[in-house]
C-alpha atoms as a PDB file:
ATOM      1  CA  MET A   1     -87.021  16.319 -70.950  1.00  0.00           C
ATOM      2  CA  ALA A   2     -85.732  15.790 -67.387  1.00  0.00           C
ATOM      3  CA  ILE A   3     -87.735  16.251 -64.398  1.00  0.00           C
ATOM      4  CA  PHE A   4     -86.101  18.689 -62.053  1.00  0.00           C
ATOM      5  CA  SER A   5     -86.594  18.164 -58.115  1.00  0.00           C
ATOM      6  CA  VAL A   6     -85.366  19.502 -54.829  1.00  0.00           C
ATOM      7  CA  GLN A   7     -85.019  17.421 -51.544  1.00  0.00           C
ATOM      8  CA  MET A   8     -83.597  17.949 -48.160  1.00  0.00           C
ATOM      9  CA  ALA A   9     -81.808  14.472 -48.008  1.00  0.00           C
ATOM     10  CA  ASP A  10     -78.405  12.936 -47.483  1.00  0.00           C
ATOM     11  CA  ILE A  11     -76.772  12.496 -50.923  1.00  0.00           C
ATOM     12  CA  THR A  12     -75.217   9.342 -49.808  1.00  0.00           C
ATOM     13  CA  LYS A  13     -78.607   7.528 -49.743  1.00  0.00           C
ATOM     14  CA  MET A  14     -79.968   8.521 -53.063  1.00  0.00           C
ATOM     15  CA  ASP A  15     -81.032   5.748 -55.109  1.00  0.00           C
ATOM     16  CA  VAL A  16     -79.961   7.181 -58.467  1.00  0.00           C
ATOM     17  CA  ASP A  17     -77.591   6.258 -61.354  1.00  0.00           C
ATOM     18  CA  ALA A  18     -75.021   8.929 -60.363  1.00  0.00           C
ATOM     19  CA  ILE A  19     -74.367  11.319 -57.495  1.00  0.00           C
ATOM     20  CA  VAL A  20     -72.361  14.286 -57.745  1.00  0.00           C
ATOM     21  CA  ASN A  21     -69.550  14.737 -55.341  1.00  0.00           C
ATOM     22  CA  ALA A  22     -68.481  18.506 -54.287  1.00  0.00           C
ATOM     23  CA  ALA A  23     -64.908  17.382 -54.356  1.00  0.00           C
ATOM     24  CA  ASN A  24     -61.571  19.207 -53.751  1.00  0.00           C
ATOM     25  CA  SER A  25     -58.887  19.130 -56.554  1.00  0.00           C
ATOM     26  CA  SER A  26     -56.960  16.402 -54.954  1.00  0.00           C
ATOM     27  CA  LEU A  27     -60.105  14.003 -55.222  1.00  0.00           C
ATOM     28  CA  LEU A  28     -58.847  12.292 -51.865  1.00  0.00           C
ATOM     29  CA  GLY A  29     -61.858  13.242 -49.608  1.00  0.00           C
ATOM     30  CA  GLY A  30     -62.223  16.264 -47.402  1.00  0.00           C
ATOM     31  CA  GLY A  31     -64.946  17.736 -45.351  1.00  0.00           C
ATOM     32  CA  GLY A  32     -68.695  18.295 -46.079  1.00  0.00           C
ATOM     33  CA  VAL A  33     -70.451  16.278 -48.550  1.00  0.00           C
ATOM     34  CA  ASP A  34     -66.811  15.136 -49.926  1.00  0.00           C
ATOM     35  CA  GLY A  35     -66.109  13.551 -46.840  1.00  0.00           C
ATOM     36  CA  ALA A  36     -69.504  11.884 -46.141  1.00  0.00           C
ATOM     37  CA  ILE A  37     -69.419  10.289 -49.870  1.00  0.00           C
ATOM     38  CA  HIS A  38     -65.986   8.946 -49.094  1.00  0.00           C
ATOM     39  CA  ARG A  39     -66.970   7.438 -45.787  1.00  0.00           C
ATOM     40  CA  ALA A  40     -70.315   5.893 -47.242  1.00  0.00           C
ATOM     41  CA  ALA A  41     -68.737   4.646 -50.419  1.00  0.00           C
ATOM     42  CA  GLY A  42     -65.923   2.697 -48.288  1.00  0.00           C
ATOM     43  CA  PRO A  43     -62.086   2.699 -49.024  1.00  0.00           C
ATOM     44  CA  GLN A  44     -62.245   1.442 -52.575  1.00  0.00           C
ATOM     45  CA  LEU A  45     -63.567   5.011 -53.536  1.00  0.00           C
ATOM     46  CA  LEU A  46     -60.281   6.637 -52.313  1.00  0.00           C
ATOM     47  CA  GLU A  47     -58.227   3.922 -54.195  1.00  0.00           C
ATOM     48  CA  ALA A  48     -60.082   4.685 -57.409  1.00  0.00           C
ATOM     49  CA  CYS A  49     -59.780   8.479 -56.718  1.00  0.00           C
ATOM     50  CA  ARG A  50     -55.973   7.967 -56.349  1.00  0.00           C
ATOM     51  CA  LYS A  51     -55.795   6.666 -59.883  1.00  0.00           C
ATOM     52  CA  LEU A  52     -57.365   9.797 -61.294  1.00  0.00           C
ATOM     53  CA  ASN A  53     -54.533  12.034 -60.388  1.00  0.00           C
ATOM     54  CA  GLY A  54     -56.503  14.970 -59.159  1.00  0.00           C
ATOM     55  CA  CYS A  55     -59.000  17.284 -61.028  1.00  0.00           C
ATOM     56  CA  LYS A  56     -58.930  20.781 -62.113  1.00  0.00           C
ATOM     57  CA  THR A  57     -61.425  23.390 -60.621  1.00  0.00           C
ATOM     58  CA  GLY A  58     -64.442  23.358 -63.032  1.00  0.00           C
ATOM     59  CA  GLU A  59     -63.795  20.009 -64.298  1.00  0.00           C
ATOM     60  CA  ALA A  60     -65.268  16.390 -63.099  1.00  0.00           C
ATOM     61  CA  LYS A  61     -64.124  12.835 -63.291  1.00  0.00           C
ATOM     62  CA  ILE A  62     -66.219   9.743 -62.586  1.00  0.00           C
ATOM     63  CA  THR A  63     -65.723   6.646 -60.414  1.00  0.00           C
ATOM     64  CA  PRO A  64     -67.835   3.695 -59.587  1.00  0.00           C
ATOM     65  CA  ALA A  65     -69.778   4.288 -56.424  1.00  0.00           C
ATOM     66  CA  PHE A  66     -68.930   1.018 -54.525  1.00  0.00           C
ATOM     67  CA  LEU A  67     -71.053   0.858 -51.430  1.00  0.00           C
ATOM     68  CA  LEU A  68     -73.427   3.581 -52.268  1.00  0.00           C
ATOM     69  CA  PRO A  69     -76.878   2.904 -53.595  1.00  0.00           C
ATOM     70  CA  ALA A  70     -75.731   4.889 -56.600  1.00  0.00           C
ATOM     71  CA  LYS A  71     -73.715   3.259 -59.477  1.00  0.00           C
ATOM     72  CA  TYR A  72     -71.360   6.273 -60.181  1.00  0.00           C
ATOM     73  CA  VAL A  73     -69.782   9.179 -58.280  1.00  0.00           C
ATOM     74  CA  ILE A  74     -69.204  12.017 -60.492  1.00  0.00           C
ATOM     75  CA  HIS A  75     -66.674  14.144 -58.605  1.00  0.00           C
ATOM     76  CA  ALA A  76     -66.754  17.980 -59.551  1.00  0.00           C
ATOM     77  CA  VAL A  77     -64.464  20.350 -58.545  1.00  0.00           C
ATOM     78  CA  GLY A  78     -65.965  23.748 -57.831  1.00  0.00           C
ATOM     79  CA  PRO A  79     -64.153  27.011 -57.131  1.00  0.00           C
ATOM     80  CA  VAL A  80     -63.579  28.922 -53.903  1.00  0.00           C
ATOM     81  CA  TRP A  81     -65.615  31.992 -53.746  1.00  0.00           C
ATOM     82  CA  ARG A  82     -62.953  34.889 -53.679  1.00  0.00           C
ATOM     83  CA  GLY A  83     -65.258  37.744 -54.067  1.00  0.00           C
ATOM     84  CA  GLY A  84     -66.375  36.994 -57.753  1.00  0.00           C
ATOM     85  CA  ASN A  85     -63.605  38.469 -59.725  1.00  0.00           C
ATOM     86  CA  GLU A  86     -61.426  35.277 -60.388  1.00  0.00           C
ATOM     87  CA  ASN A  87     -63.831  33.567 -62.714  1.00  0.00           C
ATOM     88  CA  GLU A  88     -65.780  31.696 -60.033  1.00  0.00           C
ATOM     89  CA  GLU A  89     -69.215  31.697 -61.823  1.00  0.00           C
ATOM     90  CA  GLN A  90     -67.867  30.383 -64.848  1.00  0.00           C
ATOM     91  CA  LEU A  91     -66.019  27.672 -63.093  1.00  0.00           C
ATOM     92  CA  LEU A  92     -69.109  26.894 -61.064  1.00  0.00           C
ATOM     93  CA  ALA A  93     -71.085  26.587 -64.236  1.00  0.00           C
ATOM     94  CA  SER A  94     -68.258  24.518 -65.850  1.00  0.00           C
ATOM     95  CA  ALA A  95     -68.152  22.063 -62.872  1.00  0.00           C
ATOM     96  CA  TYR A  96     -72.025  21.347 -63.412  1.00  0.00           C
ATOM     97  CA  ARG A  97     -71.906  21.224 -67.272  1.00  0.00           C
ATOM     98  CA  ASN A  98     -69.009  18.792 -67.134  1.00  0.00           C
ATOM     99  CA  SER A  99     -70.712  16.693 -64.651  1.00  0.00           C
ATOM    100  CA  LEU A 100     -73.412  16.264 -67.154  1.00  0.00           C
ATOM    101  CA  GLU A 101     -71.134  15.631 -70.021  1.00  0.00           C
ATOM    102  CA  LEU A 102     -69.803  12.533 -68.231  1.00  0.00           C
ATOM    103  CA  ALA A 103     -73.324  11.524 -67.306  1.00  0.00           C
ATOM    104  CA  LEU A 104     -74.072  11.431 -71.030  1.00  0.00           C
ATOM    105  CA  THR A 105     -71.038   9.544 -72.001  1.00  0.00           C
ATOM    106  CA  CYS A 106     -71.809   6.880 -69.224  1.00  0.00           C
ATOM    107  CA  TYR A 107     -75.475   6.723 -70.172  1.00  0.00           C
ATOM    108  CA  ILE A 108     -76.648   8.047 -66.778  1.00  0.00           C
ATOM    109  CA  LYS A 109     -80.156   8.899 -66.652  1.00  0.00           C
ATOM    110  CA  THR A 110     -80.911  10.043 -63.046  1.00  0.00           C
ATOM    111  CA  ILE A 111     -78.357  12.083 -61.293  1.00  0.00           C
ATOM    112  CA  ALA A 112     -78.134  14.026 -57.790  1.00  0.00           C
ATOM    113  CA  PHE A 113     -76.350  17.091 -57.436  1.00  0.00           C
ATOM    114  CA  PRO A 114     -75.244  18.579 -53.978  1.00  0.00           C
ATOM    115  CA  ASN A 115     -74.787  22.353 -53.608  1.00  0.00           C
ATOM    116  CA  ILE A 116     -71.437  22.528 -55.174  1.00  0.00           C
ATOM    117  CA  SER A 117     -69.115  25.226 -53.542  1.00  0.00           C
ATOM    118  CA  THR A 118     -71.660  26.723 -51.036  1.00  0.00           C
ATOM    119  CA  GLY A 119     -70.108  25.032 -47.870  1.00  0.00           C
ATOM    120  CA  VAL A 120     -66.268  25.674 -46.799  1.00  0.00           C
ATOM    121  CA  TYR A 121     -65.877  27.135 -50.316  1.00  0.00           C
ATOM    122  CA  ASN A 122     -68.165  30.098 -49.431  1.00  0.00           C
ATOM    123  CA  PHE A 123     -69.996  30.497 -52.766  1.00  0.00           C
ATOM    124  CA  PRO A 124     -72.932  32.839 -52.307  1.00  0.00           C
ATOM    125  CA  LYS A 125     -75.839  30.149 -52.057  1.00  0.00           C
ATOM    126  CA  GLU A 126     -78.444  32.005 -54.141  1.00  0.00           C
ATOM    127  CA  LYS A 127     -75.876  32.798 -56.785  1.00  0.00           C
ATOM    128  CA  ALA A 128     -74.753  29.221 -56.821  1.00  0.00           C
ATOM    129  CA  ALA A 129     -78.124  27.653 -57.133  1.00  0.00           C
ATOM    130  CA  THR A 130     -79.001  30.118 -59.973  1.00  0.00           C
ATOM    131  CA  LEU A 131     -75.685  29.108 -61.905  1.00  0.00           C
ATOM    132  CA  ALA A 132     -76.468  25.531 -61.210  1.00  0.00           C
ATOM    133  CA  LEU A 133     -79.934  25.722 -62.712  1.00  0.00           C
ATOM    134  CA  LYS A 134     -79.057  27.785 -65.739  1.00  0.00           C
ATOM    135  CA  ALA A 135     -75.871  25.344 -66.376  1.00  0.00           C
ATOM    136  CA  VAL A 136     -78.359  22.405 -66.076  1.00  0.00           C
ATOM    137  CA  ASN A 137     -81.302  23.949 -68.134  1.00  0.00           C
ATOM    138  CA  GLY A 138     -78.843  24.794 -70.819  1.00  0.00           C
ATOM    139  CA  PHE A 139     -77.507  21.122 -71.038  1.00  0.00           C
ATOM    140  CA  CYS A 140     -80.895  19.997 -70.921  1.00  0.00           C
ATOM    141  CA  ASP A 141     -81.944  22.031 -73.786  1.00  0.00           C
ATOM    142  CA  SER A 142     -79.209  20.773 -75.822  1.00  0.00           C
ATOM    143  CA  HIS A 143     -79.663  17.312 -75.026  1.00  0.00           C
ATOM    144  CA  PRO A 144     -83.577  16.695 -74.256  1.00  0.00           C
ATOM    145  CA  ALA A 145     -83.441  13.015 -73.996  1.00  0.00           C
ATOM    146  CA  ALA A 146     -80.269  12.586 -72.237  1.00  0.00           C
ATOM    147  CA  LEU A 147     -81.494  12.588 -68.498  1.00  0.00           C
ATOM    148  CA  THR A 148     -84.866  11.659 -66.829  1.00  0.00           C
ATOM    149  CA  GLU A 149     -84.484  13.027 -63.561  1.00  0.00           C
ATOM    150  CA  ILE A 150     -82.156  15.740 -61.930  1.00  0.00           C
ATOM    151  CA  LEU A 151     -82.491  16.071 -58.110  1.00  0.00           C
ATOM    152  CA  PHE A 152     -80.973  19.043 -56.359  1.00  0.00           C
ATOM    153  CA  THR A 153     -80.046  17.403 -53.038  1.00  0.00           C
ATOM    154  CA  CYS A 154     -79.772  19.969 -50.120  1.00  0.00           C
ATOM    155  CA  PHE A 155     -78.250  19.307 -46.851  1.00  0.00           C
ATOM    156  CA  ASP A 156     -79.277  22.517 -45.058  1.00  0.00           C
ATOM    157  CA  HIS A 157     -82.749  24.310 -45.105  1.00  0.00           C
ATOM    158  CA  GLU A 158     -81.447  27.372 -46.618  1.00  0.00           C
ATOM    159  CA  ASN A 159     -80.130  25.882 -49.921  1.00  0.00           C
ATOM    160  CA  TYR A 160     -83.491  23.856 -49.869  1.00  0.00           C
ATOM    161  CA  GLU A 161     -85.615  26.938 -49.822  1.00  0.00           C
ATOM    162  CA  ILE A 162     -83.546  28.709 -52.457  1.00  0.00           C
ATOM    163  CA  TYR A 163     -83.712  25.904 -54.855  1.00  0.00           C
ATOM    164  CA  ARG A 164     -87.386  25.443 -54.047  1.00  0.00           C
ATOM    165  CA  GLN A 165     -88.188  28.893 -54.764  1.00  0.00           C
ATOM    166  CA  LEU A 166     -86.112  28.939 -57.924  1.00  0.00           C
ATOM    167  CA  LEU A 167     -87.640  25.930 -59.262  1.00  0.00           C
ATOM    168  CA  LYS A 168     -91.240  27.228 -58.775  1.00  0.00           C
ATOM    169  CA  ASP A 169     -90.348  30.330 -60.542  1.00  0.00           C
ATOM    170  CA  ASN A 170     -88.931  28.311 -63.531  1.00  0.00           C
ATOM    171  CA  SER A 171     -92.065  26.215 -63.648  1.00  0.00           C
END
């Protein structure tokens, strides 16, 4: 069974098999964590992403990590929060599940997730964290030997405290 942990850290510096990028549907970079990953990985990441022809919301695609310490970048497209009546919760859970399915097919054992959709996409942070943990727990229950470590990598203190509390409550 995978070990779950939470850290306040820069995801571009994580020494794991794969980091997850909170990408937009073009996969061509953007702001926040997406821009930081593209800058740190170097121009080869943009070239690799161009060849993927975008990605639908709730889905994920994978590339090498190039100049990052990780081996892979899994680009997951989370939903923009529109009040909760446009399938946002299902789409966010799907982005996490699809990221983990890619990890499984690529023999990834350690993975770091950012707080998908909680930045400029305005997904409520506590709701997003609860959905993320539920999706990841569900995946780990069905694939107990797939992963050894799952890191929730928070850039801001609010998300860090939410995950810390939720992980404590689930232990």
